[in-house]
């Protein structure tokens, strides 16, 4: 909203005229009373506890008009006109702002209440005059432009008209392409159309002719509108082939069916059901009867009714469906409360049912219940051997040396909480070292993905190596002793994503510099930079799992 002080400054800088009329000060289309307050504080308002007082618009305008007078003469003239004066100590600041030398002033109160201006009618305008009665000054220019266009058309070379008099009868003439009767029919049609055409005569409201000049003007406008009529005739016969509404109406495809199919695929991908086929585990193949092999049951959190039915059918299998892992360690969950003894081979036991190696550690997602002795399975129930699932939890290997920046003591804080804590600080706090850690990574979309962290890769089974997605490298090659792929670091890093964690002021190891390893640098003191550095680890790891091991959770 326009305020009087800003307009006074603007008009003073641009040297525009400010009108004073009938106790009103007019700035173009806006006007205020002379005694209206501006938002420039009076010098008396600077006193402590004083009530805010502002300079009036008349006071500042009178000050600008008499700026050439000395202060004594200015005070006398203001007193004679009964106008407040601007004191000498404050003249310089007010004049600097009004002349545009400074953009603002400390004495301007932006919270001061401002009076709404009054709209001023322009002098010399008649509100009763309608737009139709206003003279159109551009008509003469427009008329001249039309005349130039028509003159250019008339001066252009034209083909001679075809009549019966100038038709040449002979070889190569028009009669070879068209008969004389047809040409005569075209001419008769043209004359008939010309007779039915009524020439418009420009007349006034009383029926008299306007004059040759006005008639010529109307004829020129009619001739100019001829092209417009021809264009309208062409457009009227056009048919729009596609619109944004008709594009959705097609007999070949159903829009809703296609969209719903895309939404269903996205939903299935989010639930983990639309994954690429899992690689075959490294176990000896056994002959399986395809006719009786059941389909694996896929978990769906929106379909809990079928699990209620399964809970009722587990009466004879001694399965605690209401059990919980709360308060249990990872070792007790994976190995069970009591070590499972390998089943002895009996004469009736097939050769392919040999018990697995006792060193193989069962996975949380692959724990299956064995039926009680002398218990017959219900008809149609799948065999427990086929219900065993392969874990899809990724595995991260970290160094077991205490000199490494990441150990089993601080791996949870570094990888899960995204904050670096030294091993010495965790040991001083009394934290105990675990054999394995199950991280819960919180992704940006709110989902949680588990990751298994180990520091002794020699305990991993052959099937577990397919789930190893990342390894933290220290530098020496003996770290990979006993690993698959002939313990060759180059071959290992081509199949597993490798990282190296170090302080930013430390020198990079020579082996790490020549290996395909992503270096993560941490500050020794700046903990606020930990998250940005460790986010590189998860970005690289997600990209690797998505491209190379998309059958795992990520």
Protein backbone atom coordinates (compact mmCIF):
# COMPACT_ATOMS: atom_id res chain seq x y z
CA UNK A 1 0.00 0.00 0.00
CA UNK A 2 1.27 3.46 -0.89
CA UNK A 3 2.24 5.67 2.05
CA UNK A 4 2.67 9.47 1.95
CA UNK A 5 6.34 9.46 3.01
CA UNK A 6 7.43 7.06 0.23
CA UNK A 7 5.48 8.97 -2.42
CA UNK A 8 6.91 12.29 -1.19
CA UNK A 9 10.44 10.85 -1.47
CA UNK A 10 9.72 9.37 -4.92
CA UNK A 11 8.23 12.57 -6.32
CA UNK A 12 11.05 14.66 -4.85
CA UNK A 13 13.75 12.46 -6.42
CA UNK A 14 12.08 12.37 -9.86
CA UNK A 15 11.20 16.09 -9.66
CA UNK A 16 7.50 15.45 -10.26
CA UNK A 17 4.85 18.05 -9.48
CA UNK A 18 3.04 17.76 -6.14
CA UNK A 19 -0.37 19.48 -6.16
CA UNK A 20 -1.88 21.21 -3.11
CA UNK A 21 -5.63 21.80 -3.47
CA UNK A 22 -8.42 22.28 -0.93
CA UNK A 23 -6.41 21.09 2.09
CA UNK A 24 -5.33 18.04 0.07
CA UNK A 25 -1.86 17.04 -1.11
CA UNK A 26 -2.14 15.11 -4.37
CA UNK A 27 0.42 12.64 -5.74
CA UNK A 28 -0.92 11.65 -9.14
CA UNK A 29 -3.99 9.50 -8.42
CA UNK A 30 -3.59 9.49 -4.61
CA UNK A 31 -4.30 12.28 -2.17
CA UNK A 32 -4.06 12.77 1.60
CA UNK A 33 -5.09 15.58 3.91
CA UNK A 34 -2.36 18.05 4.72
CA UNK A 35 -2.34 17.19 8.40
CA UNK A 36 -1.98 13.43 7.87
CA UNK A 37 0.84 11.82 9.87
CA UNK A 38 3.72 10.14 8.07
CA UNK A 39 5.72 7.28 9.61
CA UNK A 40 8.78 9.50 10.21
CA UNK A 41 9.22 9.91 13.97
CA UNK A 42 9.30 13.38 15.49
CA UNK A 43 12.44 14.37 17.36
CA UNK A 44 10.46 14.51 20.65
CA UNK A 45 9.70 10.76 20.36
CA UNK A 46 13.38 9.94 20.97
CA UNK A 47 13.03 10.84 24.63
CA UNK A 48 12.65 7.99 27.08
CA UNK A 49 9.00 7.27 27.94
CA UNK A 50 7.68 9.76 25.38
CA UNK A 51 4.59 9.06 23.31
CA UNK A 52 5.27 8.44 19.63
CA UNK A 53 4.79 11.54 17.51
CA UNK A 54 5.25 11.81 13.74
CA UNK A 55 5.94 14.59 11.23
CA UNK A 56 2.93 15.58 9.16
CA UNK A 57 2.93 15.49 5.37
CA UNK A 58 2.42 19.27 5.21
CA UNK A 59 5.45 19.83 7.48
CA UNK A 60 7.82 17.77 5.30
CA UNK A 61 6.49 19.23 2.03
CA UNK A 62 6.88 22.79 3.35
CA UNK A 63 10.41 21.91 4.45
CA UNK A 64 11.32 20.70 0.93
CA UNK A 65 9.82 23.76 -0.76
CA UNK A 66 11.78 26.17 1.47
CA UNK A 67 15.06 24.26 1.63
CA UNK A 68 16.86 27.20 0.00
CA UNK A 69 16.06 29.56 2.89
CA UNK A 70 18.27 29.83 5.94
CA UNK A 71 16.90 28.24 9.08
CA UNK A 72 15.80 31.51 10.68
CA UNK A 73 13.79 32.61 7.67
CA UNK A 74 12.34 29.13 7.31
CA UNK A 75 11.15 29.13 10.95
CA UNK A 76 9.54 32.56 10.56
CA UNK A 77 7.72 31.54 7.38
CA UNK A 78 6.51 28.27 8.94
CA UNK A 79 5.27 30.08 12.04
CA UNK A 80 3.38 32.58 9.87
CA UNK A 81 1.69 29.69 8.03
CA UNK A 82 1.03 27.80 11.31
CA UNK A 83 3.06 24.76 10.10
CA UNK A 84 5.37 22.72 12.38
CA UNK A 85 9.07 23.14 11.69
CA UNK A 86 11.92 20.66 11.37
CA UNK A 87 14.63 21.49 13.95
CA UNK A 88 18.13 22.29 12.73
CA UNK A 89 19.87 19.15 14.14
CA UNK A 90 17.45 16.87 12.23
CA UNK A 91 17.42 18.67 8.89
CA UNK A 92 20.39 16.73 7.50
CA UNK A 93 18.94 13.25 8.18
CA UNK A 94 15.49 14.08 6.79
CA UNK A 95 16.93 15.76 3.70
CA UNK A 96 19.28 12.82 3.02
CA UNK A 97 16.35 10.40 3.00
CA UNK A 98 13.99 12.57 0.94
CA UNK A 99 16.68 13.31 -1.67
CA UNK A 100 17.47 9.60 -2.10
CA UNK A 101 20.98 9.73 -0.63
CA UNK A 102 20.08 6.91 1.81
CA UNK A 103 17.56 4.13 1.29
CA UNK A 104 16.15 4.17 4.82
CA UNK A 105 16.43 5.95 8.14
CA UNK A 106 16.44 4.89 11.76
CA UNK A 107 13.64 7.36 12.49
CA UNK A 108 11.17 5.60 10.14
CA UNK A 109 8.64 3.56 12.13
CA UNK A 110 7.46 0.65 9.97
CA UNK A 111 4.80 -0.27 12.54
CA UNK A 112 3.11 3.12 12.45
CA UNK A 113 -0.57 3.14 11.38
CA UNK A 114 -1.04 4.60 7.91
CA UNK A 115 -4.10 6.34 6.53
CA UNK A 116 -5.62 4.98 3.33
CA UNK A 117 -5.30 7.46 0.46
CA UNK A 118 -8.20 8.89 -1.50
CA UNK A 119 -8.54 8.17 -5.24
CA UNK A 120 -8.39 11.36 -7.30
CA UNK A 121 -10.31 11.82 -10.56
CA UNK A 122 -8.11 13.00 -13.40
CA UNK A 123 -8.67 16.61 -14.47
CA UNK A 124 -10.20 17.02 -17.91
CA UNK A 125 -11.88 13.63 -18.09
CA UNK A 126 -15.62 13.22 -18.53
CA UNK A 127 -17.10 10.15 -16.87
CA UNK A 128 -20.28 10.40 -18.94
CA UNK A 129 -18.36 9.98 -22.17
CA UNK A 130 -18.77 6.44 -23.43
CA UNK A 131 -16.00 4.52 -25.24
CA UNK A 132 -18.17 4.38 -28.38
CA UNK A 133 -18.22 8.20 -28.65
CA UNK A 134 -14.47 8.61 -28.24
CA UNK A 135 -12.71 9.37 -31.51
CA UNK A 136 -10.56 6.52 -32.77
CA UNK A 137 -7.27 8.14 -33.71
CA UNK A 138 -5.88 4.94 -35.08
CA UNK A 139 -8.58 4.62 -37.79
CA UNK A 140 -6.67 6.84 -40.20
CA UNK A 141 -3.46 4.85 -39.69
CA UNK A 142 -5.35 1.56 -40.02
CA UNK A 143 -7.16 2.76 -43.14
CA UNK A 144 -3.88 3.81 -44.75
CA UNK A 145 -2.39 0.38 -43.98
CA UNK A 146 -5.40 -1.33 -45.61
CA UNK A 147 -5.05 0.82 -48.72
CA UNK A 148 -1.38 -0.14 -49.06
CA UNK A 149 -2.24 -3.84 -48.82
CA UNK A 150 -4.98 -3.58 -51.45
CA UNK A 151 -2.75 -1.53 -53.76
CA UNK A 152 -0.07 -4.21 -53.50
CA UNK A 153 -2.63 -6.85 -54.46
CA UNK A 154 -3.93 -4.83 -57.42
CA UNK A 155 -0.43 -4.10 -58.74
CA UNK A 156 0.55 -7.78 -58.62
CA UNK A 157 0.62 -9.58 -62.01
CA UNK A 158 -2.64 -11.40 -62.68
CA UNK A 159 -3.54 -14.12 -65.07
CA UNK A 160 -5.86 -13.22 -67.91
CA UNK A 161 -9.48 -14.18 -67.38
CA UNK A 162 -10.83 -17.04 -69.41
CA UNK A 163 -13.76 -16.12 -71.70
CA UNK A 164 -15.25 -17.52 -74.88
CA UNK A 165 -13.56 -14.72 -76.86
CA UNK A 166 -9.98 -15.44 -75.82
CA UNK A 167 -10.21 -19.23 -75.75
CA UNK A 168 -7.86 -20.62 -78.32
CA UNK A 169 -9.27 -23.51 -80.26
CA UNK A 170 -6.52 -25.69 -81.47
CA UNK A 171 -3.90 -28.18 -80.38
CA UNK A 172 -2.51 -27.53 -76.88
CA UNK A 173 -5.36 -25.20 -75.92
CA UNK A 174 -7.80 -25.31 -73.01
CA UNK A 175 -10.32 -27.30 -75.03
CA UNK A 176 -8.08 -30.33 -74.87
CA UNK A 177 -8.43 -30.42 -71.10
CA UNK A 178 -12.01 -29.09 -70.90
CA UNK A 179 -14.89 -28.99 -73.34
CA UNK A 180 -16.45 -25.76 -74.56
CA UNK A 181 -19.79 -26.64 -72.93
CA UNK A 182 -18.12 -27.06 -69.55
CA UNK A 183 -16.33 -23.73 -69.86
CA UNK A 184 -19.62 -22.03 -70.78
CA UNK A 185 -21.31 -23.64 -67.73
CA UNK A 186 -18.59 -22.24 -65.44
CA UNK A 187 -19.08 -18.76 -66.90
CA UNK A 188 -22.88 -18.95 -66.50
CA UNK A 189 -22.49 -20.04 -62.90
CA UNK A 190 -20.18 -17.12 -62.21
CA UNK A 191 -22.60 -14.61 -63.76
CA UNK A 192 -25.54 -16.06 -61.81
CA UNK A 193 -23.64 -15.71 -58.58
CA UNK A 194 -22.71 -12.15 -59.47
CA UNK A 195 -26.37 -11.22 -60.09
CA UNK A 196 -27.46 -12.56 -56.69
CA UNK A 197 -24.73 -10.64 -54.86
CA UNK A 198 -26.05 -7.44 -53.27
CA UNK A 199 -23.68 -4.53 -53.05
CA UNK A 200 -23.70 -2.94 -49.62
CA UNK A 201 -24.36 0.78 -49.56
CA UNK A 202 -23.20 2.75 -46.55
CA UNK A 203 -26.18 4.76 -45.20
CA UNK A 204 -26.80 6.75 -42.11
CA UNK A 205 -29.56 6.06 -39.58
CA UNK A 206 -32.04 8.21 -41.54
CA UNK A 207 -31.41 6.32 -44.79
CA UNK A 208 -29.20 8.94 -46.52
CA UNK A 209 -25.75 8.18 -47.90
CA UNK A 210 -22.90 8.91 -45.59
CA UNK A 211 -20.66 10.06 -48.35
CA UNK A 212 -18.04 8.87 -50.71
CA UNK A 213 -15.33 8.88 -48.07
CA UNK A 214 -17.27 6.79 -45.56
CA UNK A 215 -18.51 4.44 -48.27
CA UNK A 216 -14.95 3.91 -49.45
CA UNK A 217 -13.92 3.21 -45.88
CA UNK A 218 -16.62 0.54 -45.44
CA UNK A 219 -15.80 -1.06 -48.78
CA UNK A 220 -12.15 -1.29 -47.83
CA UNK A 221 -13.09 -2.93 -44.54
CA UNK A 222 -15.32 -5.41 -46.37
CA UNK A 223 -12.54 -6.26 -48.78
CA UNK A 224 -10.12 -6.74 -45.87
CA UNK A 225 -12.62 -9.01 -44.11
CA UNK A 226 -12.93 -11.18 -47.23
CA UNK A 227 -9.80 -13.12 -46.29
CA UNK A 228 -11.18 -13.62 -42.79
CA UNK A 229 -14.42 -15.09 -44.18
CA UNK A 230 -12.51 -17.49 -46.42
CA UNK A 231 -10.40 -18.62 -43.45
CA UNK A 232 -13.52 -19.17 -41.33
CA UNK A 233 -15.03 -21.27 -44.11
CA UNK A 234 -11.94 -23.47 -44.21
CA UNK A 235 -11.82 -23.84 -40.43
CA UNK A 236 -15.52 -24.75 -40.29
CA UNK A 237 -14.85 -27.80 -42.48
CA UNK A 238 -11.90 -28.96 -40.38
CA UNK A 239 -12.30 -31.85 -37.98
CA UNK A 240 -10.11 -32.14 -34.93
CA UNK A 241 -8.64 -35.62 -34.84
CA UNK A 242 -7.58 -35.77 -31.20
CA UNK A 243 -8.46 -33.81 -28.10
CA UNK A 244 -7.32 -34.29 -24.55
CA UNK A 245 -10.69 -35.88 -23.79
CA UNK A 246 -11.01 -38.15 -26.83
CA UNK A 247 -7.46 -39.44 -26.41
CA UNK A 248 -8.66 -41.46 -23.39
CA UNK A 249 -11.56 -42.98 -25.34
CA UNK A 250 -10.21 -45.95 -27.28
CA UNK A 251 -11.58 -49.37 -28.01
CA UNK A 252 -8.18 -51.08 -28.04
CA UNK A 253 -7.11 -50.44 -24.45
CA UNK A 254 -8.75 -49.91 -21.11
CA UNK A 255 -7.13 -47.02 -19.26
CA UNK A 256 -8.12 -48.20 -15.79
CA UNK A 257 -6.90 -51.73 -16.42
CA UNK A 258 -3.44 -50.58 -17.50
CA UNK A 259 -3.06 -48.14 -14.62
CA UNK A 260 -4.21 -50.68 -12.04
CA UNK A 261 -1.72 -53.21 -13.40
CA UNK A 262 1.11 -50.72 -12.92
CA UNK A 263 -0.05 -49.92 -9.37
CA UNK A 264 -0.27 -53.62 -8.51
CA UNK A 265 3.29 -54.21 -9.73
CA UNK A 266 4.56 -51.29 -7.65
CA UNK A 267 2.76 -52.61 -4.59
CA UNK A 268 4.18 -56.12 -5.15
CA UNK A 269 7.69 -54.71 -5.51
CA UNK A 270 7.37 -52.80 -2.22
CA UNK A 271 6.23 -55.94 -0.42
CA UNK A 272 9.20 -57.91 -1.71
CA UNK A 273 7.20 -60.32 -3.84
CA UNK A 274 8.27 -59.05 -7.23
CA UNK A 275 11.96 -59.95 -6.94
CA UNK A 276 14.20 -61.53 -9.58
CA UNK A 277 14.68 -65.31 -9.18
CA UNK A 278 17.01 -66.21 -6.33
CA UNK A 279 20.31 -67.94 -7.16
CA UNK A 280 20.50 -71.64 -6.53
CA UNK A 281 22.28 -72.37 -3.20
CA UNK A 282 25.51 -74.33 -3.29
CA UNK A 283 24.04 -77.63 -2.06
CA UNK A 284 23.98 -81.01 -3.82
CA UNK A 285 20.89 -81.42 -5.93
CA UNK A 286 18.37 -84.02 -4.78
CA UNK A 287 15.70 -85.66 -6.87
CA UNK A 288 12.34 -84.11 -6.05
CA UNK A 289 8.97 -85.33 -7.17
CA UNK A 290 7.56 -82.35 -9.08
CA UNK A 291 4.02 -83.60 -8.83
CA UNK A 292 3.92 -83.33 -5.04
CA UNK A 293 6.29 -80.38 -4.44
CA UNK A 294 4.26 -77.57 -2.81
CA UNK A 295 4.59 -73.91 -3.68
CA UNK A 296 6.37 -71.73 -1.05
CA UNK A 297 4.07 -69.55 1.00
CA UNK A 298 4.86 -65.86 0.60
CA UNK A 299 4.28 -63.68 3.62
CA UNK A 300 1.76 -60.88 3.24
CA UNK A 301 0.97 -58.62 6.15
CA UNK A 302 -2.43 -57.80 4.63
CA UNK A 303 -3.45 -61.48 4.52
CA UNK A 304 -3.40 -62.68 8.12
CA UNK A 305 -6.46 -64.92 7.92
CA UNK A 306 -4.63 -67.87 6.41
CA UNK A 307 -2.02 -67.77 9.18
CA UNK A 308 -4.79 -68.14 11.76
CA UNK A 309 -5.80 -71.36 10.01
CA UNK A 310 -2.19 -72.58 10.05
CA UNK A 311 -1.95 -71.86 13.77
CA UNK A 312 -4.82 -74.26 14.39
CA UNK A 313 -3.14 -77.00 12.32
CA UNK A 314 0.16 -76.94 14.26
CA UNK A 315 -1.23 -78.85 17.22
CA UNK A 316 0.81 -82.02 16.68
CA UNK A 317 4.10 -80.34 15.72
CA UNK A 318 5.01 -78.69 19.05
CA UNK A 319 5.50 -75.26 17.48
CA UNK A 320 5.18 -72.28 19.80
CA UNK A 321 3.45 -69.81 17.47
CA UNK A 322 3.10 -67.24 20.26
CA UNK A 323 6.81 -67.25 21.13
CA UNK A 324 9.00 -64.14 21.15
CA UNK A 325 12.65 -63.28 20.81
CA UNK A 326 12.45 -60.50 23.40
CA UNK A 327 15.33 -60.63 25.89
CA UNK A 328 17.27 -63.23 23.89
CA UNK A 329 20.72 -62.80 22.37
CA UNK A 330 21.40 -63.28 18.70
CA UNK A 331 23.37 -66.49 19.41
CA UNK A 332 20.52 -68.06 21.35
CA UNK A 333 18.06 -67.13 18.59
CA UNK A 334 20.15 -68.59 15.76
CA UNK A 335 21.43 -71.69 17.58
CA UNK A 336 18.44 -72.38 19.84
CA UNK A 337 18.34 -72.89 23.60
CA UNK A 338 19.77 -76.42 23.34
CA UNK A 339 22.13 -77.63 20.65
CA UNK A 340 20.35 -79.77 18.12
CA UNK A 341 21.87 -83.20 17.74
CA UNK A 342 22.28 -84.61 14.24
CA UNK A 343 19.77 -87.33 13.51
CA UNK A 344 21.23 -90.79 13.24
CA UNK A 345 20.96 -92.57 9.96
CA UNK A 346 18.54 -95.46 9.90
CA UNK A 347 18.09 -98.09 7.25
CA UNK A 348 14.84 -96.42 6.21
CA UNK A 349 16.41 -92.98 5.89
CA UNK A 350 17.03 -92.00 2.25
CA UNK A 351 20.54 -91.01 1.30
CA UNK A 352 19.53 -87.47 0.32
CA UNK A 353 18.19 -86.77 3.87
CA UNK A 354 21.67 -86.75 5.41
CA UNK A 355 21.75 -84.14 8.21
CA UNK A 356 23.52 -80.92 7.49
CA UNK A 357 26.95 -80.14 8.86
CA UNK A 358 26.77 -79.17 12.55
CA UNK A 359 28.91 -76.12 11.97
CA UNK A 360 26.27 -74.56 9.75
CA UNK A 361 24.43 -71.91 11.68
CA UNK A 362 20.67 -71.82 11.11
CA UNK A 363 19.20 -68.49 10.13
CA UNK A 364 16.39 -66.64 11.85
CA UNK A 365 14.24 -66.70 8.74
CA UNK A 366 14.97 -70.37 7.99
CA UNK A 367 14.04 -72.02 11.33
CA UNK A 368 11.64 -74.89 10.69
CA UNK A 369 9.89 -77.22 13.07
CA UNK A 370 10.54 -80.95 12.88
CA UNK A 371 7.58 -83.25 13.53
CA UNK A 372 7.43 -85.26 16.72
CA UNK A 373 8.45 -88.93 16.52
CA UNK A 374 5.78 -91.34 15.27
CA UNK A 375 3.65 -88.37 14.20
CA UNK A 376 1.98 -88.61 10.84
CA UNK A 377 1.80 -85.49 8.72
CA UNK A 378 -1.68 -84.41 7.69
CA UNK A 379 -2.64 -85.14 4.11
CA UNK A 380 -1.59 -82.39 1.69
CA UNK A 381 0.73 -80.74 4.24
CA UNK A 382 4.12 -79.72 2.78
CA UNK A 383 7.22 -81.51 3.99
CA UNK A 384 9.29 -79.59 6.60
CA UNK A 385 12.32 -79.96 4.35
CA UNK A 386 10.67 -77.89 1.62
CA UNK A 387 9.44 -75.19 4.07
CA UNK A 388 13.00 -74.10 4.85
CA UNK A 389 13.66 -70.64 3.49
CA UNK A 390 16.92 -69.12 2.42
CA UNK A 391 17.76 -65.95 4.31
CA UNK A 392 17.85 -62.70 2.33
CA UNK A 393 19.56 -60.61 5.05
CA UNK A 394 22.76 -58.95 3.70
CA UNK A 395 26.04 -59.55 5.56
CA UNK A 396 28.73 -56.92 6.24
CA UNK A 397 32.25 -58.03 7.28
CA UNK A 398 34.41 -55.74 9.42
CA UNK A 399 38.02 -56.24 10.61
CA UNK A 400 38.64 -58.09 13.86
CA UNK A 401 41.75 -56.04 14.74
CA UNK A 402 41.55 -53.47 17.54
CA UNK A 403 43.50 -50.95 15.44
CA UNK A 404 40.60 -50.64 13.00
CA UNK A 405 38.36 -47.59 13.32
CA UNK A 406 35.27 -49.82 13.07
CA UNK A 407 34.95 -52.83 15.38
CA UNK A 408 32.18 -54.89 16.91
CA UNK A 409 32.02 -52.37 19.77
CA UNK A 410 31.17 -49.29 17.68
CA UNK A 411 29.75 -50.81 14.46
CA UNK A 412 26.15 -50.18 15.56
CA UNK A 413 26.81 -46.49 16.23
CA UNK A 414 28.70 -45.99 12.97
CA UNK A 415 26.44 -47.88 10.55
CA UNK A 416 23.03 -47.59 12.24
CA UNK A 417 23.17 -44.28 14.17
CA UNK A 418 25.49 -42.62 11.59
CA UNK A 419 27.77 -41.24 14.32
CA UNK A 420 31.40 -42.16 14.94
CA UNK A 421 32.36 -43.31 18.45
CA UNK A 422 35.87 -44.58 19.14
CA UNK A 423 36.45 -48.13 20.35
CA UNK A 424 38.27 -46.82 23.42
CA UNK A 425 35.24 -44.75 24.43
CA UNK A 426 32.91 -47.75 24.09
CA UNK A 427 35.31 -49.95 26.08
CA UNK A 428 35.61 -47.28 28.79
CA UNK A 429 31.81 -47.16 29.01
CA UNK A 430 31.76 -50.88 29.85
CA UNK A 431 30.27 -52.16 26.57
CA UNK A 432 30.74 -55.84 25.88
CA UNK A 433 31.84 -57.22 22.54
CA UNK A 434 29.29 -59.30 20.63
CA UNK A 435 30.05 -62.06 18.14
CA UNK A 436 27.45 -60.82 15.69
CA UNK A 437 25.36 -57.65 15.36
CA UNK A 438 21.98 -57.33 13.67
CA UNK A 439 21.61 -53.74 12.49
CA UNK A 440 18.27 -52.12 11.71
CA UNK A 441 18.84 -49.50 9.04
CA UNK A 442 16.15 -46.82 8.86
CA UNK A 443 15.65 -45.74 5.23
CA UNK A 444 14.34 -42.43 4.00
CA UNK A 445 10.86 -43.80 3.21
CA UNK A 446 10.37 -45.06 6.78
CA UNK A 447 11.10 -48.74 6.10
CA UNK A 448 13.62 -50.71 8.16
CA UNK A 449 16.08 -53.17 6.59
CA UNK A 450 18.17 -55.63 8.69
CA UNK A 451 21.90 -56.12 8.10
CA UNK A 452 24.11 -58.75 9.75
CA UNK A 453 27.58 -57.58 10.82
CA UNK A 454 30.37 -60.13 11.57
CA UNK A 455 34.12 -59.87 12.12
CA UNK A 456 35.03 -63.57 11.70
CA UNK A 457 34.25 -64.57 8.10
CA UNK A 458 35.68 -68.07 8.60
CA UNK A 459 32.52 -69.05 10.47
CA UNK A 460 30.32 -68.29 7.48
CA UNK A 461 28.85 -71.24 5.61
CA UNK A 462 29.20 -71.63 1.86
CA UNK A 463 25.62 -70.47 1.32
CA UNK A 464 26.23 -67.37 3.45
CA UNK A 465 28.92 -65.99 1.14
CA UNK A 466 26.27 -65.21 -1.45
CA UNK A 467 24.79 -62.72 1.05
CA UNK A 468 28.08 -60.90 1.79
CA UNK A 469 27.66 -57.46 0.26
CA UNK A 470 30.34 -55.27 1.91
CA UNK A 471 33.73 -55.57 3.62
CA UNK A 472 35.77 -52.96 5.48
CA UNK A 473 39.43 -53.16 4.46
CA UNK A 474 42.39 -52.28 6.70
CA UNK A 475 45.21 -52.57 4.15
CA UNK A 476 47.27 -55.75 4.73
CA UNK A 477 46.51 -58.64 2.39
CA UNK A 478 46.56 -61.19 5.26
CA UNK A 479 43.11 -59.90 6.25
CA UNK A 480 41.66 -62.12 3.50
CA UNK A 481 43.43 -65.34 4.48
CA UNK A 482 41.01 -68.28 4.25
CA UNK A 483 38.49 -66.38 2.12
CA UNK A 484 36.97 -67.85 -1.05
CA UNK A 485 38.20 -66.88 -4.50
CA UNK A 486 41.77 -67.97 -3.54
CA UNK A 487 42.02 -65.09 -1.03
CA UNK A 488 42.83 -62.75 -3.93
CA UNK A 489 41.82 -59.18 -2.98
CA UNK A 490 41.34 -58.16 -6.62
CA UNK A 491 38.93 -61.06 -7.21
CA UNK A 492 37.18 -60.47 -3.89
CA UNK A 493 36.59 -56.75 -4.57
CA UNK A 494 35.07 -57.59 -7.96
CA UNK A 495 32.34 -59.57 -6.18
CA UNK A 496 32.00 -57.65 -2.88
CA UNK A 497 31.74 -53.89 -2.32
CA UNK A 498 34.87 -52.78 -0.40
CA UNK A 499 35.30 -49.75 1.90
CA UNK A 500 38.15 -48.23 3.91
CA UNK A 501 37.52 -46.05 6.98
CA UNK A 502 40.23 -43.61 8.06
CA UNK A 503 40.81 -40.19 9.60
CA UNK A 504 41.10 -37.36 7.08
CA UNK A 505 44.62 -36.34 8.23
CA UNK A 506 46.02 -39.91 8.02
CA UNK A 507 48.02 -41.09 5.01
CA UNK A 508 46.25 -43.58 2.74
CA UNK A 509 47.57 -47.13 2.79
CA UNK A 510 49.52 -48.18 -0.31
CA UNK A 511 47.45 -51.34 -0.89
CA UNK A 512 44.16 -49.49 -0.47
CA UNK A 513 45.30 -46.88 -2.99
CA UNK A 514 45.71 -49.49 -5.72
CA UNK A 515 42.63 -51.59 -4.88
CA UNK A 516 39.03 -50.92 -5.96
CA UNK A 517 38.06 -49.60 -2.52
CA UNK A 518 35.82 -46.66 -1.58
CA UNK A 519 37.61 -44.49 1.01
CA UNK A 520 35.47 -42.95 3.78
CA UNK A 521 37.21 -40.10 5.61
CA UNK A 522 36.13 -39.01 9.09
CA UNK A 523 37.19 -35.99 11.09
CA UNK A 524 38.92 -36.68 14.37
CA UNK A 525 37.03 -33.88 16.13
CA UNK A 526 34.18 -32.71 13.84
CA UNK A 527 31.33 -35.07 14.69
CA UNK A 528 28.83 -32.96 12.75
CA UNK A 529 30.38 -34.23 9.49
CA UNK A 530 29.99 -37.94 10.30
CA UNK A 531 26.55 -38.35 8.77
CA UNK A 532 27.46 -36.90 5.37
CA UNK A 533 30.57 -39.10 5.16
CA UNK A 534 28.77 -42.29 6.21
CA UNK A 535 25.85 -41.64 3.85
CA UNK A 536 28.32 -42.33 1.01
CA UNK A 537 28.65 -45.89 2.37
CA UNK A 538 24.90 -46.57 2.19
CA UNK A 539 24.52 -44.94 -1.24
CA UNK A 540 27.32 -47.07 -2.71
CA UNK A 541 25.99 -50.21 -1.00
CA UNK A 542 22.40 -49.71 -2.18
CA UNK A 543 23.58 -49.18 -5.75
CA UNK A 544 25.72 -52.34 -5.59
CA UNK A 545 22.96 -54.53 -4.13
CA UNK A 546 20.41 -53.24 -6.64
CA UNK A 547 22.69 -54.06 -9.60
CA UNK A 548 24.47 -57.23 -8.44
CA UNK A 549 22.42 -58.84 -5.64
CA UNK A 550 18.89 -57.63 -6.03
CA UNK A 551 17.50 -60.85 -4.50
CA UNK A 552 18.59 -59.60 -1.05
CA UNK A 553 16.83 -57.07 1.14
CA UNK A 554 17.98 -53.49 0.75
